[in-house]
PDB file of N, CA and C in Angstrom:
ATOM      1  N   MET A   1     -23.372 -18.161  22.554  1.00  0.00           N
ATOM      2  CA  MET A   1     -24.568 -17.346  22.703  1.00  0.00           C
ATOM      3  C   MET A   1     -25.790 -18.143  22.266  1.00  0.00           C
ATOM      4  N   SER A   2     -26.846 -17.961  22.980  1.00  0.00           N
ATOM      5  CA  SER A   2     -28.069 -18.646  22.600  1.00  0.00           C
ATOM      6  C   SER A   2     -28.861 -17.763  21.649  1.00  0.00           C
ATOM      7  N   SER A   3     -29.652 -18.393  20.838  1.00  0.00           N
ATOM      8  CA  SER A   3     -30.444 -17.624  19.881  1.00  0.00           C
ATOM      9  C   SER A   3     -31.612 -16.939  20.589  1.00  0.00           C
ATOM     10  N   ILE A   4     -32.197 -15.994  19.917  1.00  0.00           N
ATOM     11  CA  ILE A   4     -33.295 -15.211  20.500  1.00  0.00           C
ATOM     12  C   ILE A   4     -34.510 -16.091  20.793  1.00  0.00           C
ATOM     13  N   THR A   5     -34.722 -17.116  19.990  1.00  0.00           N
ATOM     14  CA  THR A   5     -35.908 -17.964  20.187  1.00  0.00           C
ATOM     15  C   THR A   5     -35.819 -18.773  21.472  1.00  0.00           C
ATOM     16  N   ASN A   6     -34.588 -19.025  21.958  1.00  0.00           N
ATOM     17  CA  ASN A   6     -34.431 -19.829  23.171  1.00  0.00           C
ATOM     18  C   ASN A   6     -34.420 -18.989  24.444  1.00  0.00           C
ATOM     19  N   LEU A   7     -34.500 -17.660  24.331  1.00  0.00           N
ATOM     20  CA  LEU A   7     -34.459 -16.797  25.506  1.00  0.00           C
ATOM     21  C   LEU A   7     -35.841 -16.688  26.143  1.00  0.00           C
ATOM     22  N   SER A   8     -35.815 -16.492  27.454  1.00  0.00           N
ATOM     23  CA  SER A   8     -37.091 -16.291  28.156  1.00  0.00           C
ATOM     24  C   SER A   8     -37.501 -14.829  28.018  1.00  0.00           C
ATOM     25  N   VAL A   9     -38.728 -14.542  28.424  1.00  0.00           N
ATOM     26  CA  VAL A   9     -39.260 -13.183  28.338  1.00  0.00           C
ATOM     27  C   VAL A   9     -38.434 -12.248  29.218  1.00  0.00           C
ATOM     28  N   GLN A  10     -38.065 -12.731  30.376  1.00  0.00           N
ATOM     29  CA  GLN A  10     -37.276 -11.917  31.308  1.00  0.00           C
ATOM     30  C   GLN A  10     -35.909 -11.584  30.711  1.00  0.00           C
ATOM     31  N   GLN A  11     -35.277 -12.559  30.060  1.00  0.00           N
ATOM     32  CA  GLN A  11     -33.976 -12.317  29.441  1.00  0.00           C
ATOM     33  C   GLN A  11     -34.095 -11.330  28.275  1.00  0.00           C
ATOM     34  N   LEU A  12     -35.168 -11.428  27.498  1.00  0.00           N
ATOM     35  CA  LEU A  12     -35.385 -10.493  26.391  1.00  0.00           C
ATOM     36  C   LEU A  12     -35.565  -9.068  26.902  1.00  0.00           C
ATOM     37  N   ARG A  13     -36.317  -8.916  28.019  1.00  0.00           N
ATOM     38  CA  ARG A  13     -36.515  -7.588  28.594  1.00  0.00           C
ATOM     39  C   ARG A  13     -35.190  -7.003  29.087  1.00  0.00           C
ATOM     40  N   LYS A  14     -34.385  -7.853  29.706  1.00  0.00           N
ATOM     41  CA  LYS A  14     -33.087  -7.402  30.217  1.00  0.00           C
ATOM     42  C   LYS A  14     -32.178  -6.982  29.044  1.00  0.00           C
ATOM     43  N   ALA A  15     -32.200  -7.746  27.953  1.00  0.00           N
ATOM     44  CA  ALA A  15     -31.393  -7.423  26.768  1.00  0.00           C
ATOM     45  C   ALA A  15     -31.847  -6.100  26.156  1.00  0.00           C
ATOM     46  N   ALA A  16     -33.151  -5.875  26.092  1.00  0.00           N
ATOM     47  CA  ALA A  16     -33.684  -4.628  25.547  1.00  0.00           C
ATOM     48  C   ALA A  16     -33.282  -3.444  26.422  1.00  0.00           C
ATOM     49  N   ALA A  17     -33.332  -3.639  27.740  1.00  0.00           N
ATOM     50  CA  ALA A  17     -32.941  -2.569  28.661  1.00  0.00           C
ATOM     51  C   ALA A  17     -31.458  -2.232  28.503  1.00  0.00           C
ATOM     52  N   LEU A  18     -30.627  -3.262  28.365  1.00  0.00           N
ATOM     53  CA  LEU A  18     -29.190  -3.038  28.165  1.00  0.00           C
ATOM     54  C   LEU A  18     -28.920  -2.290  26.863  1.00  0.00           C
ATOM     55  N   LYS A  19     -29.647  -2.661  25.831  1.00  0.00           N
ATOM     56  CA  LYS A  19     -29.465  -1.997  24.536  1.00  0.00           C
ATOM     57  C   LYS A  19     -29.855  -0.527  24.634  1.00  0.00           C
ATOM     58  N   GLU A  20     -30.955  -0.227  25.308  1.00  0.00           N
ATOM     59  CA  GLU A  20     -31.379   1.163  25.490  1.00  0.00           C
ATOM     60  C   GLU A  20     -30.341   1.945  26.277  1.00  0.00           C
ATOM     61  N   LYS A  21     -29.764   1.311  27.297  1.00  0.00           N
ATOM     62  CA  LYS A  21     -28.745   1.968  28.118  1.00  0.00           C
ATOM     63  C   LYS A  21     -27.500   2.267  27.287  1.00  0.00           C
ATOM     64  N   ILE A  22     -27.106   1.324  26.450  1.00  0.00           N
ATOM     65  CA  ILE A  22     -25.945   1.526  25.570  1.00  0.00           C
ATOM     66  C   ILE A  22     -26.193   2.682  24.621  1.00  0.00           C
ATOM     67  N   GLN A  23     -27.389   2.721  24.032  1.00  0.00           N
ATOM     68  CA  GLN A  23     -27.723   3.802  23.107  1.00  0.00           C
ATOM     69  C   GLN A  23     -27.725   5.158  23.800  1.00  0.00           C
ATOM     70  N   SER A  24     -28.242   5.215  25.011  1.00  0.00           N
ATOM     71  CA  SER A  24     -28.259   6.492  25.733  1.00  0.00           C
ATOM     72  C   SER A  24     -26.840   6.938  26.089  1.00  0.00           C
ATOM     73  N   LEU A  25     -25.982   5.985  26.452  1.00  0.00           N
ATOM     74  CA  LEU A  25     -24.594   6.316  26.756  1.00  0.00           C
ATOM     75  C   LEU A  25     -23.851   6.800  25.504  1.00  0.00           C
ATOM     76  N   GLU A  26     -24.144   6.191  24.364  1.00  0.00           N
ATOM     77  CA  GLU A  26     -23.520   6.634  23.111  1.00  0.00           C
ATOM     78  C   GLU A  26     -23.965   8.059  22.765  1.00  0.00           C
ATOM     79  N   LYS A  27     -25.248   8.356  22.975  1.00  0.00           N
ATOM     80  CA  LYS A  27     -25.751   9.706  22.711  1.00  0.00           C
ATOM     81  C   LYS A  27     -25.057  10.727  23.617  1.00  0.00           C
ATOM     82  N   GLU A  28     -24.882  10.360  24.883  1.00  0.00           N
ATOM     83  CA  GLU A  28     -24.211  11.256  25.824  1.00  0.00           C
ATOM     84  C   GLU A  28     -22.754  11.482  25.419  1.00  0.00           C
ATOM     85  N   LEU A  29     -22.111  10.437  24.973  1.00  0.00           N
ATOM     86  CA  LEU A  29     -20.722  10.544  24.516  1.00  0.00           C
ATOM     87  C   LEU A  29     -20.615  11.448  23.296  1.00  0.00           C
ATOM     88  N   VAL A  30     -21.560  11.336  22.379  1.00  0.00           N
ATOM     89  CA  VAL A  30     -21.588  12.203  21.197  1.00  0.00           C
ATOM     90  C   VAL A  30     -21.758  13.657  21.626  1.00  0.00           C
ATOM     91  N   ARG A  31     -22.631  13.883  22.603  1.00  0.00           N
ATOM     92  CA  ARG A  31     -22.846  15.233  23.102  1.00  0.00           C
ATOM     93  C   ARG A  31     -21.573  15.807  23.713  1.00  0.00           C
ATOM     94  N   LEU A  32     -20.843  14.974  24.453  1.00  0.00           N
ATOM     95  CA  LEU A  32     -19.618  15.443  25.106  1.00  0.00           C
ATOM     96  C   LEU A  32     -18.499  15.691  24.107  1.00  0.00           C
ATOM     97  N   LEU A  33     -18.314  14.778  23.200  1.00  0.00           N
ATOM     98  CA  LEU A  33     -17.200  14.881  22.258  1.00  0.00           C
ATOM     99  C   LEU A  33     -17.532  15.715  21.034  1.00  0.00           C
ATOM    100  N   GLY A  34     -18.776  15.830  20.710  1.00  0.00           N
ATOM    101  CA  GLY A  34     -19.184  16.610  19.551  1.00  0.00           C
ATOM    102  C   GLY A  34     -18.911  15.906  18.236  1.00  0.00           C
ATOM    103  N   SER A  35     -18.787  14.606  18.261  1.00  0.00           N
ATOM    104  CA  SER A  35     -18.583  13.851  17.019  1.00  0.00           C
ATOM    105  C   SER A  35     -19.363  12.561  17.100  1.00  0.00           C
ATOM    106  N   THR A  36     -19.434  11.883  15.970  1.00  0.00           N
ATOM    107  CA  THR A  36     -20.175  10.631  15.942  1.00  0.00           C
ATOM    108  C   THR A  36     -19.324   9.502  16.487  1.00  0.00           C
ATOM    109  N   VAL A  37     -19.963   8.526  17.068  1.00  0.00           N
ATOM    110  CA  VAL A  37     -19.283   7.367  17.619  1.00  0.00           C
ATOM    111  C   VAL A  37     -19.371   6.241  16.606  1.00  0.00           C
ATOM    112  N   THR A  38     -18.239   5.640  16.292  1.00  0.00           N
ATOM    113  CA  THR A  38     -18.261   4.511  15.363  1.00  0.00           C
ATOM    114  C   THR A  38     -18.397   3.229  16.157  1.00  0.00           C
ATOM    115  N   THR A  39     -19.175   2.322  15.629  1.00  0.00           N
ATOM    116  CA  THR A  39     -19.361   1.042  16.290  1.00  0.00           C
ATOM    117  C   THR A  39     -18.235   0.098  15.894  1.00  0.00           C
ATOM    118  N   THR A  40     -18.074  -0.959  16.668  1.00  0.00           N
ATOM    119  CA  THR A  40     -17.014  -1.917  16.383  1.00  0.00           C
ATOM    120  C   THR A  40     -17.356  -2.812  15.205  1.00  0.00           C
ATOM    121  N   ALA A  41     -18.592  -2.750  14.732  1.00  0.00           N
ATOM    122  CA  ALA A  41     -19.000  -3.611  13.630  1.00  0.00           C
ATOM    123  C   ALA A  41     -18.369  -3.172  12.314  1.00  0.00           C
ATOM    124  N   GLY A  42     -18.184  -1.874  12.113  1.00  0.00           N
ATOM    125  CA  GLY A  42     -17.644  -1.368  10.855  1.00  0.00           C
ATOM    126  C   GLY A  42     -16.175  -1.041  10.969  1.00  0.00           C
ATOM    127  N   PRO A  43     -15.511  -0.859   9.830  1.00  0.00           N
ATOM    128  CA  PRO A  43     -14.090  -0.509   9.879  1.00  0.00           C
ATOM    129  C   PRO A  43     -13.907   0.920  10.391  1.00  0.00           C
ATOM    130  N   VAL A  44     -12.880   1.108  11.215  1.00  0.00           N
ATOM    131  CA  VAL A  44     -12.614   2.415  11.800  1.00  0.00           C
ATOM    132  C   VAL A  44     -11.989   3.331  10.758  1.00  0.00           C
ATOM    133  N   THR A  45     -10.957   2.851  10.089  1.00  0.00           N
ATOM    134  CA  THR A  45     -10.314   3.632   9.038  1.00  0.00           C
ATOM    135  C   THR A  45     -10.135   2.761   7.816  1.00  0.00           C
ATOM    136  N   LYS A  46     -10.146   3.406   6.673  1.00  0.00           N
ATOM    137  CA  LYS A  46      -9.938   2.672   5.428  1.00  0.00           C
ATOM    138  C   LYS A  46      -8.441   2.635   5.155  1.00  0.00           C
ATOM    139  N   GLN A  47      -7.896   1.438   5.065  1.00  0.00           N
ATOM    140  CA  GLN A  47      -6.464   1.295   4.832  1.00  0.00           C
ATOM    141  C   GLN A  47      -6.204   1.148   3.347  1.00  0.00           C
ATOM    142  N   ARG A  48      -5.107   1.748   2.901  1.00  0.00           N
ATOM    143  CA  ARG A  48      -4.728   1.632   1.501  1.00  0.00           C
ATOM    144  C   ARG A  48      -4.062   0.297   1.259  1.00  0.00           C
ATOM    145  N   LYS A  49      -4.324  -0.256   0.094  1.00  0.00           N
ATOM    146  CA  LYS A  49      -3.657  -1.496  -0.271  1.00  0.00           C
ATOM    147  C   LYS A  49      -2.289  -1.170  -0.813  1.00  0.00           C
ATOM    148  N   PHE A  50      -1.301  -1.918  -0.371  1.00  0.00           N
ATOM    149  CA  PHE A  50       0.060  -1.714  -0.832  1.00  0.00           C
ATOM    150  C   PHE A  50       0.241  -2.511  -2.109  1.00  0.00           C
ATOM    151  N   LYS A  51       0.669  -1.844  -3.173  1.00  0.00           N
ATOM    152  CA  LYS A  51       0.884  -2.524  -4.437  1.00  0.00           C
ATOM    153  C   LYS A  51       2.375  -2.665  -4.668  1.00  0.00           C
ATOM    154  N   MET A  52       2.793  -3.891  -4.898  1.00  0.00           N
ATOM    155  CA  MET A  52       4.200  -4.171  -5.120  1.00  0.00           C
ATOM    156  C   MET A  52       4.428  -4.434  -6.609  1.00  0.00           C
ATOM    157  N   SER A  53       5.535  -3.925  -7.119  1.00  0.00           N
ATOM    158  CA  SER A  53       5.827  -4.110  -8.536  1.00  0.00           C
ATOM    159  C   SER A  53       6.207  -5.563  -8.802  1.00  0.00           C
ATOM    160  N   ALA A  54       6.109  -5.952 -10.052  1.00  0.00           N
ATOM    161  CA  ALA A  54       6.448  -7.322 -10.446  1.00  0.00           C
ATOM    162  C   ALA A  54       7.930  -7.582 -10.208  1.00  0.00           C
ATOM    163  N   ALA A  55       8.761  -6.575 -10.442  1.00  0.00           N
ATOM    164  CA  ALA A  55      10.202  -6.743 -10.237  1.00  0.00           C
ATOM    165  C   ALA A  55      10.512  -6.987  -8.760  1.00  0.00           C
ATOM    166  N   ALA A  56       9.843  -6.253  -7.873  1.00  0.00           N
ATOM    167  CA  ALA A  56      10.057  -6.436  -6.438  1.00  0.00           C
ATOM    168  C   ALA A  56       9.609  -7.823  -5.995  1.00  0.00           C
ATOM    169  N   LYS A  57       8.459  -8.274  -6.522  1.00  0.00           N
ATOM    170  CA  LYS A  57       7.978  -9.617  -6.188  1.00  0.00           C
ATOM    171  C   LYS A  57       8.975 -10.676  -6.642  1.00  0.00           C
ATOM    172  N   ALA A  58       9.550 -10.486  -7.837  1.00  0.00           N
ATOM    173  CA  ALA A  58      10.515 -11.447  -8.368  1.00  0.00           C
ATOM    174  C   ALA A  58      11.766 -11.483  -7.507  1.00  0.00           C
ATOM    175  N   LYS A  59      12.237 -10.308  -7.055  1.00  0.00           N
ATOM    176  CA  LYS A  59      13.428 -10.255  -6.201  1.00  0.00           C
ATOM    177  C   LYS A  59      13.185 -10.969  -4.880  1.00  0.00           C
ATOM    178  N   ILE A  60      12.030 -10.718  -4.275  1.00  0.00           N
ATOM    179  CA  ILE A  60      11.691 -11.353  -3.005  1.00  0.00           C
ATOM    180  C   ILE A  60      11.587 -12.858  -3.175  1.00  0.00           C
ATOM    181  N   SER A  61      10.950 -13.284  -4.267  1.00  0.00           N
ATOM    182  CA  SER A  61      10.799 -14.706  -4.542  1.00  0.00           C
ATOM    183  C   SER A  61      12.157 -15.381  -4.727  1.00  0.00           C
ATOM    184  N   ALA A  62      13.037 -14.727  -5.488  1.00  0.00           N
ATOM    185  CA  ALA A  62      14.364 -15.290  -5.726  1.00  0.00           C
ATOM    186  C   ALA A  62      15.157 -15.392  -4.427  1.00  0.00           C
ATOM    187  N   ALA A  63      15.055 -14.373  -3.569  1.00  0.00           N
ATOM    188  CA  ALA A  63      15.772 -14.395  -2.297  1.00  0.00           C
ATOM    189  C   ALA A  63      15.251 -15.508  -1.395  1.00  0.00           C
ATOM    190  N   ALA A  64      13.934 -15.695  -1.387  1.00  0.00           N
ATOM    191  CA  ALA A  64      13.342 -16.753  -0.562  1.00  0.00           C
ATOM    192  C   ALA A  64      13.779 -18.129  -1.061  1.00  0.00           C
ATOM    193  N   LYS A  65      13.786 -18.304  -2.380  1.00  0.00           N
ATOM    194  CA  LYS A  65      14.224 -19.585  -2.946  1.00  0.00           C
ATOM    195  C   LYS A  65      15.678 -19.857  -2.617  1.00  0.00           C
ATOM    196  N   ALA A  66      16.507 -18.810  -2.653  1.00  0.00           N
ATOM    197  CA  ALA A  66      17.924 -18.970  -2.325  1.00  0.00           C
ATOM    198  C   ALA A  66      18.098 -19.345  -0.856  1.00  0.00           C
ATOM    199  N   ARG A  67      17.304 -18.726   0.040  1.00  0.00           N
ATOM    200  CA  ARG A  67      17.383 -19.065   1.462  1.00  0.00           C
ATOM    201  C   ARG A  67      17.004 -20.522   1.697  1.00  0.00           C
ATOM    202  N   TRP A  68      15.916 -20.967   1.063  1.00  0.00           N
ATOM    203  CA  TRP A  68      15.493 -22.358   1.237  1.00  0.00           C
ATOM    204  C   TRP A  68      16.513 -23.317   0.653  1.00  0.00           C
ATOM    205  N   ALA A  69      17.116 -22.958  -0.460  1.00  0.00           N
ATOM    206  CA  ALA A  69      18.129 -23.812  -1.063  1.00  0.00           C
ATOM    207  C   ALA A  69      19.326 -23.938  -0.129  1.00  0.00           C
ATOM    208  N   LYS A  70      19.679 -22.850   0.529  1.00  0.00           N
ATOM    209  CA  LYS A  70      20.809 -22.857   1.462  1.00  0.00           C
ATOM    210  C   LYS A  70      20.496 -23.748   2.658  1.00  0.00           C
ATOM    211  N   ILE A  71      19.251 -23.666   3.163  1.00  0.00           N
ATOM    212  CA  ILE A  71      18.844 -24.477   4.308  1.00  0.00           C
ATOM    213  C   ILE A  71      18.822 -25.958   3.932  1.00  0.00           C
ATOM    214  N   LYS A  72      18.278 -26.263   2.759  1.00  0.00           N
ATOM    215  CA  LYS A  72      18.155 -27.655   2.323  1.00  0.00           C
ATOM    216  C   LYS A  72      19.478 -28.220   1.808  1.00  0.00           C
ATOM    217  N   GLY A  73      20.419 -27.356   1.496  1.00  0.00           N
ATOM    218  CA  GLY A  73      21.712 -27.817   1.016  1.00  0.00           C
ATOM    219  C   GLY A  73      21.734 -28.108  -0.476  1.00  0.00           C
ATOM    220  N   THR A  74      20.783 -27.575  -1.199  1.00  0.00           N
ATOM    221  CA  THR A  74      20.757 -27.779  -2.644  1.00  0.00           C
ATOM    222  C   THR A  74      21.163 -26.494  -3.344  1.00  0.00           C
ATOM    223  N   ALA A  75      21.544 -26.614  -4.581  1.00  0.00           N
ATOM    224  CA  ALA A  75      21.934 -25.438  -5.360  1.00  0.00           C
ATOM    225  C   ALA A  75      20.684 -24.638  -5.711  1.00  0.00           C
ATOM    226  N   PRO A  76      20.764 -23.314  -5.675  1.00  0.00           N
ATOM    227  CA  PRO A  76      19.594 -22.510  -6.041  1.00  0.00           C
ATOM    228  C   PRO A  76      19.243 -22.680  -7.506  1.00  0.00           C
ATOM    229  N   VAL A  77      17.954 -22.702  -7.770  1.00  0.00           N
ATOM    230  CA  VAL A  77      17.456 -22.927  -9.119  1.00  0.00           C
ATOM    231  C   VAL A  77      17.129 -21.597  -9.809  1.00  0.00           C
ATOM    232  N   ALA A  78      17.307 -20.498  -9.103  1.00  0.00           N
ATOM    233  CA  ALA A  78      16.915 -19.196  -9.636  1.00  0.00           C
ATOM    234  C   ALA A  78      17.701 -18.846 -10.893  1.00  0.00           C
ATOM    235  N   LYS A  79      16.973 -18.337 -11.888  1.00  0.00           N
ATOM    236  CA  LYS A  79      17.601 -17.919 -13.133  1.00  0.00           C
ATOM    237  C   LYS A  79      18.125 -16.494 -12.969  1.00  0.00           C
ATOM    238  N   PRO A  80      19.254 -16.185 -13.600  1.00  0.00           N
ATOM    239  CA  PRO A  80      19.720 -14.804 -13.541  1.00  0.00           C
ATOM    240  C   PRO A  80      18.780 -13.901 -14.340  1.00  0.00           C
ATOM    241  N   ALA A  81      18.593 -12.700 -13.839  1.00  0.00           N
ATOM    242  CA  ALA A  81      17.699 -11.754 -14.508  1.00  0.00           C
ATOM    243  C   ALA A  81      18.335 -11.289 -15.812  1.00  0.00           C
ATOM    244  N   PRO A  82      17.554 -11.223 -16.887  1.00  0.00           N
ATOM    245  CA  PRO A  82      18.126 -10.764 -18.152  1.00  0.00           C
ATOM    246  C   PRO A  82      18.479  -9.283 -18.069  1.00  0.00           C
ATOM    247  N   LYS A  83      19.605  -8.923 -18.679  1.00  0.00           N
ATOM    248  CA  LYS A  83      20.029  -7.531 -18.671  1.00  0.00           C
ATOM    249  C   LYS A  83      19.199  -6.756 -19.682  1.00  0.00           C
ATOM    250  N   LYS A  84      18.899  -5.518 -19.318  1.00  0.00           N
ATOM    251  CA  LYS A  84      18.131  -4.675 -20.213  1.00  0.00           C
ATOM    252  C   LYS A  84      19.037  -4.186 -21.329  1.00  0.00           C
ATOM    253  N   ALA A  85      18.522  -4.194 -22.541  1.00  0.00           N
ATOM    254  CA  ALA A  85      19.278  -3.706 -23.679  1.00  0.00           C
ATOM    255  C   ALA A  85      19.357  -2.184 -23.605  1.00  0.00           C
ATOM    256  N   ARG A  86      20.533  -1.648 -23.876  1.00  0.00           N
ATOM    257  CA  ARG A  86      20.688  -0.198 -23.844  1.00  0.00           C
ATOM    258  C   ARG A  86      20.045   0.397 -25.080  1.00  0.00           C
ATOM    259  N   ARG A  87      19.363   1.495 -24.876  1.00  0.00           N
ATOM    260  CA  ARG A  87      18.719   2.159 -26.005  1.00  0.00           C
ATOM    261  C   ARG A  87      19.765   2.970 -26.751  1.00  0.00           C
ATOM    262  N   LYS A  88      19.690   2.920 -28.057  1.00  0.00           N
ATOM    263  CA  LYS A  88      20.666   3.632 -28.879  1.00  0.00           C
ATOM    264  C   LYS A  88      20.011   4.870 -29.479  1.00  0.00           C
ATOM    265  N   MET A  89      20.804   5.946 -29.514  1.00  0.00           N
ATOM    266  CA  MET A  89      20.324   7.192 -30.075  1.00  0.00           C
ATOM    267  C   MET A  89      20.721   7.227 -31.552  1.00  0.00           C
ATOM    268  N   SER A  90      19.819   7.675 -32.386  1.00  0.00           N
ATOM    269  CA  SER A  90      20.116   7.751 -33.815  1.00  0.00           C
ATOM    270  C   SER A  90      21.136   8.861 -34.075  1.00  0.00           C
ATOM    271  N   ALA A  91      21.801   8.786 -35.213  1.00  0.00           N
ATOM    272  CA  ALA A  91      22.805   9.784 -35.578  1.00  0.00           C
ATOM    273  C   ALA A  91      22.170  11.160 -35.708  1.00  0.00           C
ATOM    274  N   ALA A  92      20.966  11.223 -36.244  1.00  0.00           N
ATOM    275  CA  ALA A  92      20.276  12.499 -36.416  1.00  0.00           C
ATOM    276  C   ALA A  92      19.962  13.125 -35.053  1.00  0.00           C
ATOM    277  N   ALA A  93      19.539  12.306 -34.109  1.00  0.00           N
ATOM    278  CA  ALA A  93      19.226  12.805 -32.775  1.00  0.00           C
ATOM    279  C   ALA A  93      20.493  13.301 -32.077  1.00  0.00           C
ATOM    280  N   LYS A  94      21.609  12.570 -32.248  1.00  0.00           N
ATOM    281  CA  LYS A  94      22.883  12.992 -31.664  1.00  0.00           C
ATOM    282  C   LYS A  94      23.307  14.342 -32.224  1.00  0.00           C
ATOM    283  N   ALA A  95      23.207  14.521 -33.550  1.00  0.00           N
ATOM    284  CA  ALA A  95      23.606  15.771 -34.195  1.00  0.00           C
ATOM    285  C   ALA A  95      22.733  16.923 -33.709  1.00  0.00           C
ATOM    286  N   LYS A  96      21.440  16.677 -33.574  1.00  0.00           N
ATOM    287  CA  LYS A  96      20.509  17.714 -33.123  1.00  0.00           C
ATOM    288  C   LYS A  96      20.837  18.138 -31.687  1.00  0.00           C
ATOM    289  N   LEU A  97      21.088  17.164 -30.827  1.00  0.00           N
ATOM    290  CA  LEU A  97      21.421  17.442 -29.438  1.00  0.00           C
ATOM    291  C   LEU A  97      22.749  18.185 -29.328  1.00  0.00           C
ATOM    292  N   SER A  98      23.729  17.774 -30.118  1.00  0.00           N
ATOM    293  CA  SER A  98      25.037  18.415 -30.116  1.00  0.00           C
ATOM    294  C   SER A  98      24.924  19.880 -30.535  1.00  0.00           C
ATOM    295  N   ALA A  99      24.175  20.147 -31.593  1.00  0.00           N
ATOM    296  CA  ALA A  99      23.997  21.516 -32.068  1.00  0.00           C
ATOM    297  C   ALA A  99      23.305  22.376 -31.017  1.00  0.00           C
ATOM    298  N   LYS A 100      22.313  21.797 -30.339  1.00  0.00           N
ATOM    299  CA  LYS A 100      21.577  22.537 -29.316  1.00  0.00           C
ATOM    300  C   LYS A 100      22.494  22.889 -28.145  1.00  0.00           C
ATOM    301  N   LEU A 101      23.309  21.937 -27.707  1.00  0.00           N
ATOM    302  CA  LEU A 101      24.222  22.187 -26.592  1.00  0.00           C
ATOM    303  C   LEU A 101      25.302  23.194 -26.967  1.00  0.00           C
ATOM    304  N   LYS A 102      25.812  23.121 -28.195  1.00  0.00           N
ATOM    305  CA  LYS A 102      26.813  24.087 -28.640  1.00  0.00           C
ATOM    306  C   LYS A 102      26.242  25.497 -28.615  1.00  0.00           C
ATOM    307  N   ALA A 103      24.983  25.648 -29.025  1.00  0.00           N
ATOM    308  CA  ALA A 103      24.337  26.955 -29.006  1.00  0.00           C
ATOM    309  C   ALA A 103      24.170  27.464 -27.577  1.00  0.00           C
ATOM    310  N   ILE A 104      23.806  26.581 -26.675  1.00  0.00           N
ATOM    311  CA  ILE A 104      23.630  26.960 -25.267  1.00  0.00           C
ATOM    312  C   ILE A 104      24.956  27.426 -24.678  1.00  0.00           C
ATOM    313  N   TRP A 105      26.032  26.669 -24.918  1.00  0.00           N
ATOM    314  CA  TRP A 105      27.351  27.037 -24.368  1.00  0.00           C
ATOM    315  C   TRP A 105      27.876  28.324 -25.001  1.00  0.00           C
ATOM    316  N   ALA A 106      27.622  28.505 -26.276  1.00  0.00           N
ATOM    317  CA  ALA A 106      28.064  29.729 -26.937  1.00  0.00           C
ATOM    318  C   ALA A 106      27.368  30.952 -26.332  1.00  0.00           C
ATOM    319  N   LYS A 107      26.074  30.787 -26.004  1.00  0.00           N
ATOM    320  CA  LYS A 107      25.312  31.880 -25.404  1.00  0.00           C
ATOM    321  C   LYS A 107      25.853  32.194 -23.994  1.00  0.00           C
ATOM    322  N   ARG A 108      26.196  31.145 -23.228  1.00  0.00           N
ATOM    323  CA  ARG A 108      26.725  31.333 -21.880  1.00  0.00           C
ATOM    324  C   ARG A 108      28.084  32.041 -21.922  1.00  0.00           C
ATOM    325  N   LEU A 109      28.945  31.617 -22.853  1.00  0.00           N
ATOM    326  CA  LEU A 109      30.274  32.236 -22.968  1.00  0.00           C
ATOM    327  C   LEU A 109      30.168  33.685 -23.404  1.00  0.00           C
ATOM    328  N   ALA A 110      29.223  33.983 -24.279  1.00  0.00           N
ATOM    329  CA  ALA A 110      29.033  35.374 -24.744  1.00  0.00           C
ATOM    330  C   ALA A 110      28.505  36.242 -23.599  1.00  0.00           C
ATOM    331  N   ALA A 111      27.687  35.658 -22.730  1.00  0.00           N
ATOM    332  CA  ALA A 111      27.142  36.423 -21.605  1.00  0.00           C
ATOM    333  C   ALA A 111      28.217  36.762 -20.579  1.00  0.00           C
ATOM    334  N   LYS A 112      29.212  35.895 -20.436  1.00  0.00           N
ATOM    335  CA  LYS A 112      30.292  36.131 -19.475  1.00  0.00           C
ATOM    336  C   LYS A 112      31.217  37.252 -19.931  1.00  0.00           C
ATOM    337  N   LYS A 113      31.384  37.425 -21.242  1.00  0.00           N
ATOM    338  CA  LYS A 113      32.322  38.429 -21.777  1.00  0.00           C
ATOM    339  C   LYS A 113      31.784  39.807 -21.742  1.00  0.00           C
TER     340      LYS A 113
END
């Protein structure tokens, strides 16, 4: 495209006429459809960004490294994921939970009789 400074007067008039025609057609389209017309310059819809967890990224990375290692014929360098430590319940919490469940079951058995 040539810049505006390099255009002749006749070309500028033709460009202005085309722009007016486009605007009038857009107005007519708005009248027919009853909504606004979006131009191609702006985004049509706002897309949400997909957020991936760190664990998912690590799994994908490890799988990709394993695939490349298989293709290259080398052993995979991926480290095994550390196992999560199991949480332990205190003796007091166990006793409290046990007493609560015994009370619930006793109430259910009494309701059946």
